[in-house]
Amino acid sequence: MPNVIRILQLLLPWISILFMPKKSIRTYFPASLFASSLVIGMCSLAIPYKWWSVKGGWKGKILNDSSFIFGPFLIGTL
C-alpha cells in the first residue's frame, strides 16, 4: 500500500501540467528545478546530521523524499 501512495504522489501532480500555459512552464521550470535541487541537497544532508528519522531506514527515506520532490513539490513550484 505505501508503494501505491508513493506512485500516486509522484504521478498525479503531473496531470495538472496539462492545464498550465506553456509559456509559464518554460519561464518557471528552471527556477522550479533549482528549488528542487536545493531540497534534494537538504534531504541528503539530513542523513548524516540526523535532522529527522523515517521508518524503513535510508531506503524508505530516499523513496519518500524522491516521490515528494519530483511530484507535488516540483509541480507546485511551477
N, C-alpha and C. Protein backbone atom coordinates (compact mmCIF):
# COMPACT_ATOMS: atom_id res chain seq x y z
N MET A 1 0.80 -1.20 0.00
CA MET A 1 0.00 0.00 0.00
C MET A 1 0.85 1.27 0.00
N PRO A 2 1.95 1.34 0.79
CA PRO A 2 2.76 2.57 0.75
C PRO A 2 3.36 2.83 -0.63
N ASN A 3 3.67 1.77 -1.38
CA ASN A 3 4.22 1.99 -2.72
C ASN A 3 3.19 2.58 -3.66
N VAL A 4 1.93 2.21 -3.52
CA VAL A 4 0.87 2.77 -4.35
C VAL A 4 0.72 4.27 -4.04
N ILE A 5 0.79 4.62 -2.77
CA ILE A 5 0.68 6.03 -2.37
C ILE A 5 1.84 6.82 -2.93
N ARG A 6 3.05 6.26 -2.87
CA ARG A 6 4.22 6.95 -3.43
C ARG A 6 4.08 7.17 -4.93
N ILE A 7 3.60 6.16 -5.64
CA ILE A 7 3.45 6.29 -7.09
C ILE A 7 2.39 7.33 -7.43
N LEU A 8 1.27 7.31 -6.70
CA LEU A 8 0.22 8.30 -6.94
C LEU A 8 0.71 9.71 -6.59
N GLN A 9 1.49 9.82 -5.52
CA GLN A 9 2.03 11.11 -5.12
C GLN A 9 3.01 11.63 -6.16
N LEU A 10 3.66 10.75 -6.86
CA LEU A 10 4.60 11.15 -7.89
C LEU A 10 3.90 11.51 -9.19
N LEU A 11 2.86 10.76 -9.57
CA LEU A 11 2.26 10.92 -10.90
C LEU A 11 1.09 11.90 -10.97
N LEU A 12 0.27 11.95 -9.94
CA LEU A 12 -0.94 12.79 -10.00
C LEU A 12 -0.65 14.29 -10.21
N PRO A 13 0.36 14.87 -9.58
CA PRO A 13 0.60 16.29 -9.84
C PRO A 13 0.99 16.59 -11.29
N TRP A 14 1.57 15.63 -11.98
CA TRP A 14 1.99 15.85 -13.36
C TRP A 14 0.80 15.99 -14.30
N ILE A 15 -0.39 15.55 -13.87
CA ILE A 15 -1.59 15.73 -14.69
C ILE A 15 -1.95 17.21 -14.77
N SER A 16 -1.70 17.94 -13.71
CA SER A 16 -2.05 19.36 -13.70
C SER A 16 -1.20 20.19 -14.65
N ILE A 17 -0.08 19.66 -15.09
CA ILE A 17 0.76 20.40 -16.02
C ILE A 17 0.09 20.55 -17.38
N LEU A 18 -0.88 19.69 -17.68
CA LEU A 18 -1.61 19.79 -18.93
C LEU A 18 -2.47 21.05 -18.99
N PHE A 19 -2.87 21.57 -17.85
CA PHE A 19 -3.73 22.73 -17.79
C PHE A 19 -2.98 24.05 -17.62
N MET A 20 -1.66 23.98 -17.55
CA MET A 20 -0.86 25.18 -17.37
C MET A 20 -0.46 25.76 -18.73
N PRO A 21 -0.33 27.08 -18.82
CA PRO A 21 0.13 27.67 -20.08
C PRO A 21 1.58 27.29 -20.36
N LYS A 22 1.86 27.00 -21.61
CA LYS A 22 3.20 26.56 -22.00
C LYS A 22 4.26 27.64 -21.73
N LYS A 23 3.86 28.91 -21.86
CA LYS A 23 4.81 29.99 -21.63
C LYS A 23 5.26 30.03 -20.17
N SER A 24 4.35 29.83 -19.26
CA SER A 24 4.72 29.85 -17.85
C SER A 24 5.55 28.62 -17.48
N ILE A 25 5.32 27.51 -18.13
CA ILE A 25 6.14 26.33 -17.87
C ILE A 25 7.58 26.60 -18.29
N ARG A 26 7.75 27.15 -19.51
CA ARG A 26 9.09 27.47 -20.00
C ARG A 26 9.77 28.52 -19.13
N THR A 27 9.00 29.45 -18.61
CA THR A 27 9.58 30.53 -17.82
C THR A 27 10.02 30.05 -16.44
N TYR A 28 9.18 29.29 -15.78
CA TYR A 28 9.42 28.96 -14.37
C TYR A 28 10.03 27.58 -14.14
N PHE A 29 10.18 26.76 -15.17
CA PHE A 29 10.73 25.42 -14.97
C PHE A 29 12.18 25.44 -14.46
N PRO A 30 13.06 26.32 -14.97
CA PRO A 30 14.41 26.36 -14.40
C PRO A 30 14.44 26.72 -12.92
N ALA A 31 13.61 27.66 -12.51
CA ALA A 31 13.55 28.03 -11.09
C ALA A 31 12.99 26.89 -10.25
N SER A 32 12.04 26.17 -10.81
CA SER A 32 11.47 25.02 -10.11
C SER A 32 12.52 23.91 -9.95
N LEU A 33 13.30 23.68 -10.99
CA LEU A 33 14.38 22.68 -10.87
C LEU A 33 15.43 23.10 -9.86
N PHE A 34 15.75 24.39 -9.82
CA PHE A 34 16.72 24.89 -8.85
C PHE A 34 16.21 24.71 -7.43
N ALA A 35 14.96 25.05 -7.19
CA ALA A 35 14.38 24.87 -5.86
C ALA A 35 14.34 23.40 -5.46
N SER A 36 14.03 22.53 -6.43
CA SER A 36 14.01 21.10 -6.15
C SER A 36 15.41 20.58 -5.84
N SER A 37 16.41 21.10 -6.53
CA SER A 37 17.78 20.66 -6.24
C SER A 37 18.23 21.12 -4.86
N LEU A 38 17.76 22.29 -4.41
CA LEU A 38 18.07 22.72 -3.05
C LEU A 38 17.44 21.80 -2.01
N VAL A 39 16.22 21.37 -2.27
CA VAL A 39 15.55 20.46 -1.34
C VAL A 39 16.23 19.09 -1.35
N ILE A 40 16.68 18.65 -2.52
CA ILE A 40 17.42 17.38 -2.59
C ILE A 40 18.70 17.47 -1.77
N GLY A 41 19.39 18.61 -1.88
CA GLY A 41 20.59 18.81 -1.07
C GLY A 41 20.29 18.79 0.42
N MET A 42 19.21 19.44 0.81
CA MET A 42 18.83 19.46 2.22
C MET A 42 18.49 18.05 2.71
N CYS A 43 17.79 17.28 1.88
CA CYS A 43 17.42 15.92 2.28
C CYS A 43 18.65 15.02 2.35
N SER A 44 19.63 15.25 1.47
CA SER A 44 20.83 14.43 1.53
C SER A 44 21.69 14.80 2.74
N LEU A 45 21.64 16.04 3.18
CA LEU A 45 22.36 16.43 4.39
C LEU A 45 21.66 15.95 5.66
N ALA A 46 20.38 15.65 5.56
CA ALA A 46 19.62 15.23 6.73
C ALA A 46 20.05 13.84 7.21
N ILE A 47 20.62 13.04 6.33
CA ILE A 47 21.05 11.69 6.74
C ILE A 47 22.24 11.75 7.70
N PRO A 48 23.36 12.40 7.34
CA PRO A 48 24.48 12.39 8.29
C PRO A 48 24.25 13.25 9.54
N TYR A 49 23.47 14.32 9.42
CA TYR A 49 23.23 15.19 10.56
C TYR A 49 22.04 14.75 11.42
N LYS A 50 21.31 13.72 10.97
CA LYS A 50 20.18 13.15 11.71
C LYS A 50 19.16 14.22 12.09
N TRP A 51 18.74 15.01 11.09
CA TRP A 51 17.74 16.05 11.33
C TRP A 51 16.38 15.45 11.58
N TRP A 52 16.05 14.34 10.92
CA TRP A 52 14.80 13.64 11.15
C TRP A 52 15.01 12.18 10.81
N SER A 53 14.11 11.34 11.28
CA SER A 53 14.22 9.91 11.02
C SER A 53 12.94 9.42 10.35
N VAL A 54 13.11 8.39 9.52
CA VAL A 54 12.00 7.82 8.78
C VAL A 54 12.02 6.32 9.00
N LYS A 55 10.84 5.73 9.20
CA LYS A 55 10.78 4.29 9.33
C LYS A 55 11.22 3.64 8.04
N GLY A 56 11.97 2.59 8.13
CA GLY A 56 12.45 1.89 6.95
C GLY A 56 13.89 2.21 6.61
N GLY A 57 14.55 3.07 7.37
CA GLY A 57 15.94 3.39 7.13
C GLY A 57 16.15 4.31 5.95
N TRP A 58 17.36 4.28 5.42
CA TRP A 58 17.71 5.20 4.33
C TRP A 58 16.97 4.89 3.04
N LYS A 59 16.63 3.62 2.81
CA LYS A 59 15.90 3.27 1.58
C LYS A 59 14.50 3.89 1.59
N GLY A 60 13.82 3.80 2.70
CA GLY A 60 12.50 4.41 2.82
C GLY A 60 12.56 5.92 2.72
N LYS A 61 13.62 6.51 3.28
CA LYS A 61 13.78 7.96 3.22
C LYS A 61 14.00 8.42 1.78
N ILE A 62 14.82 7.71 1.03
CA ILE A 62 15.07 8.08 -0.36
C ILE A 62 13.79 7.96 -1.19
N LEU A 63 13.05 6.88 -1.00
CA LEU A 63 11.80 6.71 -1.74
C LEU A 63 10.77 7.78 -1.39
N ASN A 64 10.64 8.07 -0.10
CA ASN A 64 9.67 9.10 0.32
C ASN A 64 10.07 10.49 -0.18
N ASP A 65 11.34 10.82 -0.03
CA ASP A 65 11.80 12.14 -0.46
C ASP A 65 11.68 12.33 -1.96
N SER A 66 12.10 11.33 -2.73
CA SER A 66 12.07 11.49 -4.18
C SER A 66 10.65 11.55 -4.71
N SER A 67 9.73 10.78 -4.13
CA SER A 67 8.35 10.85 -4.61
C SER A 67 7.71 12.20 -4.27
N PHE A 68 8.13 12.83 -3.19
CA PHE A 68 7.59 14.15 -2.86
C PHE A 68 8.25 15.25 -3.69
N ILE A 69 9.57 15.19 -3.82
CA ILE A 69 10.29 16.27 -4.51
C ILE A 69 9.94 16.31 -5.99
N PHE A 70 9.93 15.17 -6.65
CA PHE A 70 9.67 15.15 -8.09
C PHE A 70 8.18 15.11 -8.42
N GLY A 71 7.34 15.07 -7.43
CA GLY A 71 5.89 15.08 -7.64
C GLY A 71 5.31 16.43 -7.25
N PRO A 72 4.69 16.53 -6.08
CA PRO A 72 3.98 17.76 -5.72
C PRO A 72 4.89 18.98 -5.52
N PHE A 73 6.13 18.79 -5.08
CA PHE A 73 6.98 19.97 -4.84
C PHE A 73 7.39 20.61 -6.17
N LEU A 74 7.84 19.81 -7.11
CA LEU A 74 8.28 20.34 -8.41
C LEU A 74 7.14 21.01 -9.15
N ILE A 75 6.00 20.35 -9.23
CA ILE A 75 4.85 20.90 -9.94
C ILE A 75 4.24 22.06 -9.17
N GLY A 76 4.21 21.98 -7.86
CA GLY A 76 3.68 23.07 -7.05
C GLY A 76 4.53 24.32 -7.14
N THR A 77 5.83 24.17 -7.33
CA THR A 77 6.69 25.33 -7.51
C THR A 77 6.46 26.00 -8.85
N LEU A 78 6.06 25.23 -9.84
CA LEU A 78 5.73 25.83 -11.14
C LEU A 78 4.52 26.73 -10.99
